[in-house]
N, C-alpha and C. Protein backbone atom coordinates (compact mmCIF):
# COMPACT_ATOMS: atom_id res chain seq x y z
N UNK A 1 11.63 9.38 24.53
CA UNK A 1 11.90 9.21 23.13
C UNK A 1 10.66 9.45 22.19
N UNK A 2 10.88 10.22 21.14
CA UNK A 2 9.65 10.45 20.20
C UNK A 2 9.55 9.16 19.40
N UNK A 3 8.18 8.83 19.23
CA UNK A 3 7.95 7.67 18.27
C UNK A 3 7.98 8.06 16.94
N UNK A 4 8.45 7.11 16.04
CA UNK A 4 8.34 7.39 14.60
C UNK A 4 6.95 7.07 14.19
N UNK A 5 6.47 8.08 13.40
CA UNK A 5 5.08 7.94 12.86
C UNK A 5 4.99 7.15 11.54
N UNK A 6 4.28 6.07 11.59
CA UNK A 6 4.11 5.19 10.53
C UNK A 6 2.59 5.08 9.99
N UNK A 7 2.57 5.27 8.66
CA UNK A 7 1.26 5.08 7.96
C UNK A 7 1.29 3.82 7.09
N UNK A 8 0.13 3.15 7.11
CA UNK A 8 0.00 2.12 6.07
C UNK A 8 -1.27 2.43 5.22
N UNK A 9 -1.08 1.99 3.99
CA UNK A 9 -2.12 2.30 2.96
C UNK A 9 -2.55 0.99 2.31
N UNK A 10 -3.74 0.70 2.06
CA UNK A 10 -4.16 -0.52 1.38
C UNK A 10 -4.85 -0.11 0.12
N UNK A 11 -4.34 -0.44 -1.05
CA UNK A 11 -4.94 -0.14 -2.34
C UNK A 11 -5.57 -1.38 -2.88
N UNK A 12 -5.40 -1.66 -4.32
CA UNK A 12 -5.94 -2.80 -4.86
C UNK A 12 -5.09 -4.18 -4.62
N UNK A 13 -5.56 -4.92 -3.63
CA UNK A 13 -4.80 -6.02 -3.27
C UNK A 13 -5.68 -6.85 -2.34
N UNK A 14 -5.00 -7.91 -1.81
CA UNK A 14 -5.90 -8.80 -0.92
C UNK A 14 -5.73 -8.50 0.59
N UNK A 15 -4.91 -7.63 1.05
CA UNK A 15 -4.72 -7.29 2.47
C UNK A 15 -3.73 -8.25 3.09
N UNK A 16 -3.28 -9.26 2.42
CA UNK A 16 -2.22 -10.23 2.88
C UNK A 16 -0.97 -9.40 3.55
N UNK A 17 -0.54 -8.35 2.90
CA UNK A 17 0.60 -7.59 3.49
C UNK A 17 0.28 -7.06 4.91
N UNK A 18 -0.93 -6.46 5.07
CA UNK A 18 -1.23 -5.96 6.44
C UNK A 18 -1.37 -7.13 7.34
N UNK A 19 -1.80 -8.33 7.00
CA UNK A 19 -1.83 -9.49 7.80
C UNK A 19 -0.38 -9.85 8.11
N UNK A 20 0.44 -9.89 7.12
CA UNK A 20 1.86 -10.10 7.49
C UNK A 20 2.49 -9.19 8.50
N UNK A 21 2.00 -7.92 8.52
CA UNK A 21 2.56 -7.05 9.41
C UNK A 21 2.15 -7.49 10.89
N UNK A 22 0.91 -8.01 10.97
CA UNK A 22 0.44 -8.45 12.31
C UNK A 22 1.20 -9.74 12.68
N UNK A 23 1.80 -10.52 11.68
CA UNK A 23 2.39 -11.74 12.03
C UNK A 23 3.86 -11.60 12.53
N UNK A 24 4.33 -10.31 12.65
CA UNK A 24 5.65 -10.12 13.34
C UNK A 24 5.70 -10.57 14.70
N UNK A 25 4.51 -10.99 15.28
CA UNK A 25 4.33 -11.55 16.58
C UNK A 25 5.06 -10.69 17.73
N UNK A 26 6.02 -11.27 18.47
CA UNK A 26 6.50 -10.51 19.58
C UNK A 26 7.21 -9.30 19.18
N UNK A 27 7.68 -9.18 17.89
CA UNK A 27 8.29 -7.84 17.58
C UNK A 27 7.29 -6.69 17.59
N UNK A 28 5.94 -7.03 17.48
CA UNK A 28 5.00 -6.06 17.62
C UNK A 28 5.15 -5.28 18.92
N UNK A 29 5.54 -5.92 19.91
CA UNK A 29 5.73 -5.23 21.31
C UNK A 29 6.78 -4.28 21.21
N UNK A 30 8.03 -4.75 20.65
CA UNK A 30 9.06 -3.79 20.50
C UNK A 30 8.80 -2.61 19.56
N UNK A 31 8.06 -2.92 18.48
CA UNK A 31 7.63 -1.88 17.47
C UNK A 31 6.72 -0.94 18.21
N UNK A 32 5.86 -1.36 19.00
CA UNK A 32 4.83 -0.48 19.66
C UNK A 32 5.54 0.41 20.57
N UNK A 33 6.67 0.20 21.12
CA UNK A 33 7.42 1.14 21.96
C UNK A 33 8.17 2.17 21.07
N UNK A 34 8.34 2.03 19.81
CA UNK A 34 9.09 2.86 18.90
C UNK A 34 8.30 3.52 17.95
N UNK A 35 7.12 2.94 17.59
CA UNK A 35 6.32 3.69 16.36
C UNK A 35 4.85 3.90 17.00
N UNK A 36 4.32 4.81 16.29
CA UNK A 36 2.85 5.17 16.43
C UNK A 36 2.19 5.09 15.04
N UNK A 37 1.06 4.48 14.93
CA UNK A 37 0.42 4.46 13.58
C UNK A 37 -0.24 5.72 13.46
N UNK A 38 0.06 6.49 12.38
CA UNK A 38 -0.51 7.73 11.91
C UNK A 38 -1.76 7.58 11.24
N UNK A 39 -1.79 6.37 10.44
CA UNK A 39 -2.88 6.06 9.54
C UNK A 39 -2.74 4.59 9.18
N UNK A 40 -3.71 3.83 9.18
CA UNK A 40 -3.78 2.54 8.73
C UNK A 40 -5.11 1.87 8.82
N UNK A 41 -5.39 0.98 7.83
CA UNK A 41 -6.67 0.13 8.04
C UNK A 41 -6.50 -0.62 9.37
N UNK A 42 -5.40 -0.78 9.85
CA UNK A 42 -5.40 -1.61 11.15
C UNK A 42 -5.86 -0.76 12.42
N UNK A 43 -5.87 0.51 12.11
CA UNK A 43 -6.23 1.48 13.19
C UNK A 43 -7.58 2.13 12.80
N UNK A 44 -8.09 1.84 11.62
CA UNK A 44 -9.35 2.31 11.07
C UNK A 44 -9.35 3.86 10.94
N UNK A 45 -8.12 4.41 10.80
CA UNK A 45 -8.02 5.97 10.54
C UNK A 45 -8.26 6.25 9.09
N UNK A 46 -9.24 6.95 8.66
CA UNK A 46 -9.54 7.05 7.37
C UNK A 46 -8.91 8.18 6.56
N UNK A 47 -8.40 9.16 7.25
CA UNK A 47 -7.82 10.34 6.67
C UNK A 47 -6.35 10.38 6.78
N UNK A 48 -5.62 10.62 5.73
CA UNK A 48 -4.04 10.61 5.84
C UNK A 48 -3.74 11.83 6.59
N UNK A 49 -2.73 11.81 7.49
CA UNK A 49 -2.47 12.94 8.24
C UNK A 49 -1.92 14.00 7.29
N UNK A 50 -2.08 15.34 7.73
CA UNK A 50 -1.69 16.56 7.14
C UNK A 50 -0.15 16.54 6.95
N UNK A 51 0.47 16.20 7.94
CA UNK A 51 2.00 16.15 8.02
C UNK A 51 2.47 15.24 9.11
N UNK A 52 3.90 15.06 9.27
CA UNK A 52 4.64 14.45 10.26
C UNK A 52 4.58 12.88 10.13
N UNK A 53 4.44 12.40 8.88
CA UNK A 53 4.51 10.97 8.69
C UNK A 53 5.96 10.55 8.27
N UNK A 54 6.57 9.70 9.01
CA UNK A 54 8.02 9.51 8.78
C UNK A 54 8.13 8.30 7.79
N UNK A 55 7.29 7.22 7.85
CA UNK A 55 7.35 6.16 6.96
C UNK A 55 5.83 5.77 6.50
N UNK A 56 5.69 5.59 5.17
CA UNK A 56 4.42 4.98 4.74
C UNK A 56 4.67 3.64 3.89
N UNK A 57 3.92 2.70 4.41
CA UNK A 57 4.01 1.34 3.69
C UNK A 57 2.72 1.40 2.83
N UNK A 58 2.90 1.13 1.60
CA UNK A 58 1.79 1.16 0.66
C UNK A 58 1.65 -0.34 -0.01
N UNK A 59 0.42 -0.89 0.34
CA UNK A 59 0.20 -2.16 -0.09
C UNK A 59 -0.85 -2.09 -1.25
N UNK A 60 -0.63 -2.91 -2.36
CA UNK A 60 -1.62 -2.92 -3.36
C UNK A 60 -1.23 -2.03 -4.57
N UNK A 61 -1.84 -2.31 -5.69
CA UNK A 61 -1.66 -1.60 -6.94
C UNK A 61 -2.61 -0.35 -6.99
N UNK A 62 -2.19 0.51 -7.94
CA UNK A 62 -2.99 1.71 -8.20
C UNK A 62 -3.92 1.41 -9.24
N UNK A 63 -5.27 1.31 -8.97
CA UNK A 63 -6.20 0.87 -9.88
C UNK A 63 -7.41 1.78 -10.27
N UNK A 64 -7.58 2.84 -9.48
CA UNK A 64 -8.63 3.81 -9.66
C UNK A 64 -8.26 5.16 -9.36
N UNK A 65 -9.08 6.11 -9.65
CA UNK A 65 -8.72 7.42 -9.44
C UNK A 65 -8.66 7.86 -7.84
N UNK A 66 -9.34 7.22 -6.96
CA UNK A 66 -9.01 7.40 -5.60
C UNK A 66 -7.68 6.97 -5.19
N UNK A 67 -7.19 5.81 -5.72
CA UNK A 67 -5.84 5.37 -5.39
C UNK A 67 -4.81 6.28 -5.82
N UNK A 68 -4.94 6.96 -7.09
CA UNK A 68 -4.03 8.03 -7.39
C UNK A 68 -3.94 9.11 -6.40
N UNK A 69 -5.01 9.61 -5.95
CA UNK A 69 -5.05 10.71 -4.94
C UNK A 69 -4.41 10.20 -3.73
N UNK A 70 -4.68 8.99 -3.29
CA UNK A 70 -4.18 8.52 -2.04
C UNK A 70 -2.68 8.38 -2.09
N UNK A 71 -2.09 7.87 -3.16
CA UNK A 71 -0.53 7.70 -3.24
C UNK A 71 0.10 9.06 -3.48
N UNK A 72 -0.51 9.94 -4.12
CA UNK A 72 -0.02 11.24 -4.26
C UNK A 72 0.09 12.02 -2.95
N UNK A 73 -0.96 11.88 -2.15
CA UNK A 73 -1.09 12.55 -0.83
C UNK A 73 -0.05 11.77 0.08
N UNK A 74 0.02 10.62 -0.02
CA UNK A 74 1.13 9.79 0.92
C UNK A 74 2.56 10.31 0.58
N UNK A 75 2.72 10.30 -0.68
CA UNK A 75 4.19 10.75 -1.11
C UNK A 75 4.47 12.22 -0.64
N UNK A 76 3.52 13.16 -0.74
CA UNK A 76 3.73 14.55 -0.33
C UNK A 76 4.01 14.56 1.23
N UNK A 77 3.24 13.73 1.86
CA UNK A 77 3.21 13.95 3.36
C UNK A 77 4.10 12.86 4.14
N UNK A 78 4.92 12.18 3.37
CA UNK A 78 5.88 11.16 3.99
C UNK A 78 7.23 11.47 3.62
N UNK A 79 8.05 11.19 4.62
CA UNK A 79 9.57 11.23 4.40
C UNK A 79 10.01 9.97 3.57
N UNK A 80 9.58 8.82 3.98
CA UNK A 80 9.83 7.51 3.30
C UNK A 80 8.62 6.78 2.77
N UNK A 81 8.71 6.34 1.58
CA UNK A 81 7.63 5.56 1.03
C UNK A 81 8.08 4.20 0.75
N UNK A 82 7.44 3.15 1.13
CA UNK A 82 7.88 1.75 0.85
C UNK A 82 6.73 0.89 0.15
N UNK A 83 7.05 0.31 -1.02
CA UNK A 83 6.06 -0.44 -1.77
C UNK A 83 6.13 -1.83 -0.91
N UNK A 84 5.00 -2.21 -0.47
CA UNK A 84 4.94 -3.47 0.41
C UNK A 84 4.19 -4.54 -0.41
N UNK A 85 4.91 -5.43 -0.82
CA UNK A 85 4.29 -6.66 -1.46
C UNK A 85 4.12 -6.60 -2.98
N UNK A 86 4.03 -7.66 -3.73
CA UNK A 86 4.24 -7.76 -5.05
C UNK A 86 3.08 -6.88 -5.89
N UNK A 87 1.91 -6.74 -5.17
CA UNK A 87 0.87 -5.91 -5.95
C UNK A 87 1.38 -4.48 -5.95
N UNK A 88 1.97 -3.87 -4.93
CA UNK A 88 2.52 -2.67 -4.95
C UNK A 88 3.78 -2.47 -5.97
N UNK A 89 4.56 -3.55 -5.82
CA UNK A 89 5.83 -3.56 -6.67
C UNK A 89 5.65 -3.73 -8.05
N UNK A 90 4.80 -4.71 -8.49
CA UNK A 90 4.59 -5.15 -9.90
C UNK A 90 3.22 -4.95 -10.43
N UNK A 91 2.22 -4.67 -9.63
CA UNK A 91 0.81 -4.71 -9.94
C UNK A 91 0.21 -6.10 -9.92
N UNK A 92 1.11 -7.10 -10.04
CA UNK A 92 0.64 -8.39 -9.81
C UNK A 92 -0.78 -8.80 -10.26
N UNK A 93 -1.47 -9.54 -9.27
CA UNK A 93 -2.86 -10.04 -9.67
C UNK A 93 -3.71 -8.91 -10.02
N UNK A 94 -3.88 -7.80 -9.46
CA UNK A 94 -4.86 -6.76 -9.93
C UNK A 94 -4.66 -6.38 -11.37
N UNK A 95 -3.40 -6.50 -11.80
CA UNK A 95 -3.19 -6.12 -13.21
C UNK A 95 -3.67 -7.07 -14.20
N UNK A 96 -4.22 -8.15 -13.79
CA UNK A 96 -4.90 -9.07 -14.74
C UNK A 96 -5.88 -8.56 -15.54
N UNK A 97 -6.49 -7.35 -15.14
CA UNK A 97 -7.67 -6.83 -15.89
C UNK A 97 -7.01 -5.81 -16.94
N UNK A 98 -5.69 -5.68 -16.97
CA UNK A 98 -5.07 -4.66 -17.91
C UNK A 98 -5.37 -5.39 -19.29
N UNK A 99 -5.61 -4.49 -20.34
CA UNK A 99 -6.01 -4.95 -21.56
C UNK A 99 -7.42 -4.97 -21.82
N UNK A 100 -8.24 -4.94 -20.75
CA UNK A 100 -9.63 -4.98 -20.90
C UNK A 100 -10.15 -3.43 -20.60
N UNK A 101 -10.96 -2.94 -21.60
CA UNK A 101 -11.50 -1.65 -21.36
C UNK A 101 -12.29 -1.54 -20.07
N UNK A 102 -12.08 -0.64 -19.20
CA UNK A 102 -12.76 -0.51 -17.80
C UNK A 102 -14.29 -0.31 -18.03
N UNK A 103 -14.68 0.55 -18.89
CA UNK A 103 -16.03 0.82 -19.10
C UNK A 103 -16.87 -0.34 -19.70
N UNK A 104 -16.17 -1.13 -20.65
CA UNK A 104 -16.80 -2.27 -21.24
C UNK A 104 -16.90 -3.29 -20.08
N UNK A 105 -15.88 -3.50 -19.21
CA UNK A 105 -15.87 -4.45 -18.10
C UNK A 105 -16.92 -4.16 -17.12
N UNK A 106 -17.18 -2.88 -16.69
CA UNK A 106 -18.30 -2.50 -15.85
C UNK A 106 -19.60 -2.86 -16.45
N UNK A 107 -19.78 -2.52 -17.66
CA UNK A 107 -21.12 -2.76 -18.37
C UNK A 107 -21.35 -4.29 -18.53
N UNK A 108 -20.31 -5.02 -18.72
CA UNK A 108 -20.46 -6.49 -18.85
C UNK A 108 -20.75 -7.08 -17.43
N UNK A 109 -20.18 -6.67 -16.41
CA UNK A 109 -20.43 -7.10 -15.08
C UNK A 109 -21.81 -6.77 -14.55
N UNK A 110 -22.09 -5.45 -14.65
CA UNK A 110 -23.39 -4.95 -14.04
C UNK A 110 -24.63 -4.94 -14.93
N UNK A 111 -24.29 -4.92 -16.23
CA UNK A 111 -25.43 -4.75 -17.28
C UNK A 111 -25.96 -3.36 -17.34
N UNK A 112 -26.65 -3.07 -18.44
CA UNK A 112 -26.99 -1.62 -18.62
C UNK A 112 -28.06 -0.98 -17.70
N UNK A 113 -28.74 -1.92 -17.00
CA UNK A 113 -29.76 -1.48 -16.18
C UNK A 113 -29.46 -1.52 -14.54
N UNK A 114 -28.28 -2.07 -14.29
CA UNK A 114 -27.89 -2.29 -12.94
C UNK A 114 -27.75 -0.99 -12.15
N UNK A 115 -28.27 -0.82 -11.08
CA UNK A 115 -27.93 0.35 -10.33
C UNK A 115 -27.55 -0.04 -8.84
N UNK A 116 -26.91 0.80 -8.13
CA UNK A 116 -26.66 0.74 -6.70
C UNK A 116 -27.20 2.05 -6.03
N UNK A 117 -28.17 1.86 -5.16
CA UNK A 117 -28.80 3.04 -4.64
C UNK A 117 -29.28 3.99 -5.65
N UNK A 118 -29.75 3.64 -6.82
CA UNK A 118 -30.43 4.44 -7.88
C UNK A 118 -29.29 4.91 -8.85
N UNK A 119 -28.03 4.57 -8.66
CA UNK A 119 -26.98 5.13 -9.59
C UNK A 119 -26.28 3.91 -10.19
N UNK A 120 -25.67 4.22 -11.33
CA UNK A 120 -24.71 3.19 -12.02
C UNK A 120 -23.57 3.19 -11.16
N UNK A 121 -22.89 1.83 -11.16
CA UNK A 121 -21.77 1.63 -10.34
C UNK A 121 -20.69 2.65 -10.32
N UNK A 122 -20.40 3.19 -11.58
CA UNK A 122 -19.27 4.11 -11.74
C UNK A 122 -19.67 5.41 -11.15
N UNK A 123 -20.84 5.69 -10.72
CA UNK A 123 -21.16 6.95 -10.00
C UNK A 123 -20.96 6.90 -8.55
N UNK A 124 -20.80 5.68 -8.04
CA UNK A 124 -20.69 5.53 -6.62
C UNK A 124 -19.36 4.92 -6.18
N UNK A 125 -18.56 4.49 -7.10
CA UNK A 125 -17.17 3.92 -6.84
C UNK A 125 -16.24 4.67 -7.68
N UNK A 126 -14.98 4.78 -7.29
CA UNK A 126 -14.03 5.50 -7.93
C UNK A 126 -13.87 4.92 -9.35
N UNK A 127 -13.67 5.77 -10.33
CA UNK A 127 -13.45 5.51 -11.73
C UNK A 127 -12.11 4.58 -11.76
N UNK A 128 -12.32 3.60 -12.54
CA UNK A 128 -11.18 2.73 -12.84
C UNK A 128 -10.21 3.47 -13.84
N UNK A 129 -8.94 3.21 -13.48
CA UNK A 129 -7.92 3.69 -14.53
C UNK A 129 -7.93 2.82 -15.77
N UNK A 130 -7.32 3.34 -16.79
CA UNK A 130 -7.21 2.55 -18.14
C UNK A 130 -6.54 1.20 -17.86
N UNK A 131 -5.49 1.27 -16.86
CA UNK A 131 -4.77 -0.02 -16.46
C UNK A 131 -4.34 0.23 -15.10
N UNK A 132 -4.12 -1.01 -14.48
CA UNK A 132 -3.56 -1.05 -13.13
C UNK A 132 -2.10 -0.75 -13.10
N UNK A 133 -1.61 -0.03 -12.25
CA UNK A 133 -0.18 0.32 -12.10
C UNK A 133 0.49 -0.06 -10.82
N UNK A 134 1.87 -0.46 -10.91
CA UNK A 134 2.59 -0.48 -9.64
C UNK A 134 2.84 0.87 -9.06
N UNK A 135 2.94 1.10 -7.74
CA UNK A 135 3.00 2.31 -7.06
C UNK A 135 4.15 3.10 -7.75
N UNK A 136 5.30 2.68 -7.92
CA UNK A 136 6.38 3.40 -8.48
C UNK A 136 6.18 4.05 -9.81
N UNK A 137 5.19 3.57 -10.56
CA UNK A 137 4.88 4.31 -11.88
C UNK A 137 4.08 5.55 -11.63
N UNK A 138 3.68 5.82 -10.40
CA UNK A 138 2.80 6.97 -10.15
C UNK A 138 3.59 7.98 -9.32
N UNK A 139 4.38 7.44 -8.30
CA UNK A 139 5.17 8.27 -7.29
C UNK A 139 6.41 7.67 -7.14
N UNK A 140 7.37 8.46 -6.62
CA UNK A 140 8.68 8.03 -6.25
C UNK A 140 8.56 7.06 -4.98
N UNK A 141 9.19 5.84 -5.08
CA UNK A 141 9.25 5.00 -3.89
C UNK A 141 10.68 4.82 -3.53
N UNK A 142 10.78 4.82 -2.26
CA UNK A 142 12.18 4.83 -1.60
C UNK A 142 12.68 3.45 -1.55
N UNK A 143 11.73 2.50 -1.08
CA UNK A 143 12.19 1.04 -0.88
C UNK A 143 11.17 0.11 -1.35
N UNK A 144 11.48 -1.05 -1.66
CA UNK A 144 10.52 -2.15 -2.18
C UNK A 144 10.73 -3.33 -1.31
N UNK A 145 9.64 -3.92 -0.80
CA UNK A 145 9.56 -5.06 -0.12
C UNK A 145 8.77 -6.22 -0.93
N UNK A 146 9.46 -7.01 -1.54
CA UNK A 146 8.73 -8.08 -2.49
C UNK A 146 8.16 -9.16 -1.63
N UNK A 147 7.31 -9.85 -2.21
CA UNK A 147 6.60 -11.00 -1.64
C UNK A 147 5.10 -10.90 -1.72
N UNK A 148 4.52 -12.08 -1.66
CA UNK A 148 2.98 -12.16 -1.73
C UNK A 148 2.64 -13.08 -0.62
N UNK A 149 2.52 -12.50 0.52
CA UNK A 149 3.09 -11.20 1.03
C UNK A 149 4.58 -11.42 1.48
N UNK A 150 5.17 -10.17 1.69
CA UNK A 150 6.62 -10.30 2.21
C UNK A 150 6.56 -11.03 3.56
N UNK A 151 7.44 -12.00 3.80
CA UNK A 151 7.59 -12.64 5.14
C UNK A 151 7.52 -11.59 6.29
N UNK A 152 6.87 -11.87 7.36
CA UNK A 152 6.82 -10.99 8.51
C UNK A 152 8.11 -10.59 9.05
N UNK A 153 9.01 -11.63 9.10
CA UNK A 153 10.36 -11.32 9.60
C UNK A 153 11.05 -10.23 8.65
N UNK A 154 10.94 -10.38 7.36
CA UNK A 154 11.53 -9.35 6.39
C UNK A 154 10.91 -7.96 6.74
N UNK A 155 9.65 -7.91 6.98
CA UNK A 155 8.97 -6.58 7.29
C UNK A 155 9.51 -6.10 8.49
N UNK A 156 9.55 -6.84 9.57
CA UNK A 156 10.04 -6.39 10.90
C UNK A 156 11.60 -5.93 10.74
N UNK A 157 12.37 -6.68 10.08
CA UNK A 157 13.70 -6.39 9.93
C UNK A 157 13.95 -5.08 9.20
N UNK A 158 13.14 -4.99 8.07
CA UNK A 158 13.20 -3.62 7.34
C UNK A 158 12.82 -2.42 8.24
N UNK A 159 11.72 -2.57 8.94
CA UNK A 159 11.20 -1.53 9.79
C UNK A 159 12.24 -1.13 10.84
N UNK A 160 12.76 -2.28 11.61
CA UNK A 160 13.80 -2.00 12.58
C UNK A 160 15.07 -1.31 12.04
N UNK A 161 15.48 -1.67 10.93
CA UNK A 161 16.68 -1.16 10.19
C UNK A 161 16.44 0.37 10.12
N UNK A 162 15.21 0.70 9.50
CA UNK A 162 14.92 2.11 9.30
C UNK A 162 14.95 2.80 10.54
N UNK A 163 14.36 2.33 11.55
CA UNK A 163 14.28 3.01 12.87
C UNK A 163 15.63 3.20 13.44
N UNK A 164 16.63 2.30 13.18
CA UNK A 164 17.90 2.33 13.68
C UNK A 164 18.84 3.16 12.74
N UNK A 165 18.29 3.81 11.64
CA UNK A 165 18.92 4.63 10.81
C UNK A 165 19.83 3.86 9.77
N UNK A 166 19.46 2.59 9.55
CA UNK A 166 20.15 1.87 8.50
C UNK A 166 19.34 1.78 7.23
N UNK A 167 20.09 1.71 6.14
CA UNK A 167 19.40 1.71 4.82
C UNK A 167 19.38 0.23 4.23
N UNK A 168 18.17 -0.34 4.01
CA UNK A 168 18.05 -1.68 3.53
C UNK A 168 18.35 -1.81 2.15
N UNK A 169 19.03 -2.74 1.59
CA UNK A 169 19.26 -2.97 0.15
C UNK A 169 19.06 -4.52 -0.13
N UNK A 170 18.67 -4.86 -1.31
CA UNK A 170 18.35 -6.19 -1.73
C UNK A 170 19.74 -6.79 -2.11
N UNK A 171 20.07 -7.96 -1.64
CA UNK A 171 21.28 -8.52 -2.11
C UNK A 171 20.82 -10.01 -2.41
N UNK A 172 20.93 -10.45 -3.75
CA UNK A 172 20.35 -11.62 -3.94
C UNK A 172 18.97 -11.69 -3.64
N UNK A 173 18.37 -12.70 -2.78
CA UNK A 173 17.06 -12.66 -2.48
C UNK A 173 16.87 -12.25 -1.01
N UNK A 174 17.84 -11.71 -0.33
CA UNK A 174 17.69 -11.33 1.01
C UNK A 174 17.95 -9.80 1.18
N UNK A 175 17.31 -9.30 2.18
CA UNK A 175 17.55 -7.82 2.54
C UNK A 175 18.81 -7.80 3.45
N UNK A 176 19.72 -6.82 3.03
CA UNK A 176 20.90 -6.53 3.80
C UNK A 176 20.79 -5.21 4.40
N UNK A 177 21.31 -4.99 5.58
CA UNK A 177 21.21 -3.65 6.17
C UNK A 177 22.62 -3.16 6.53
N UNK A 178 22.75 -1.87 6.27
CA UNK A 178 24.20 -1.37 6.62
C UNK A 178 24.22 0.13 6.48
């Protein structure tokens, strides 16, 4: 049986959603038989695959120019994209900086003379966007898994449903599959 290629992406957020993936406990054994990680901070793969990604789970909000490139690449190279957790779905805590000019914020934090390896911070880190955005404002998202983080059982149930060809939908506060 061919394994389903799954990628995960971590943008601006706390990594709690990736930890929740690890919390699916014994379901990890069943998942390992059916999926292969094509890209993930869990596997330390840094370059998104050129093709062949079936499902991409995106954790975190889009906060800088590098994030824009990552989500656009993930969308182009993935059959299904899932916003994983409240930062990806709503921009949540990372969006607290919205309304603050990014250049003024960097200047206030680092000061006019601060350098990193002889360069101002904005020269060595990706340029911040004017505001933090949820993933669906930047690319088309197929499914949303809410929560901070989503419960591990919900993540496992959603992944297994997709593997079994079912489409998850939100009914009330629960995911229903059919």
